Amino acid sequence: MDTKISLRAARVNANLTIAQSAKLLGVDPSTLMRWERHPNMVQQKYLDRISKIYKYPTDNIFFGNPTSLTSIAK
């Protein structure tokens, strides 16, 4: 199983704030905050942008349903 990091962790590792990231992605900060809580809501068209801005491959960022992480941890 490949290890994946959260969208928030990818942003923090890139040393970007919510406001900075949202501006670079072209979305409202509230949208990015929602995506960080519910990564399965990120639209496909933003995946490449996220990867480039965060300098992290999308295959290594978790974009699934957050409840599945809880299931795995149990």
Foldseek 3Di string as FASTA:
>chain_A
DAAAAELVVLCVQLVHDLVRLCVQQVHDSVVVVVCRVQLLPDDPVSQVSSCVSSVHHSVRYDNHGPVVVVVVVD
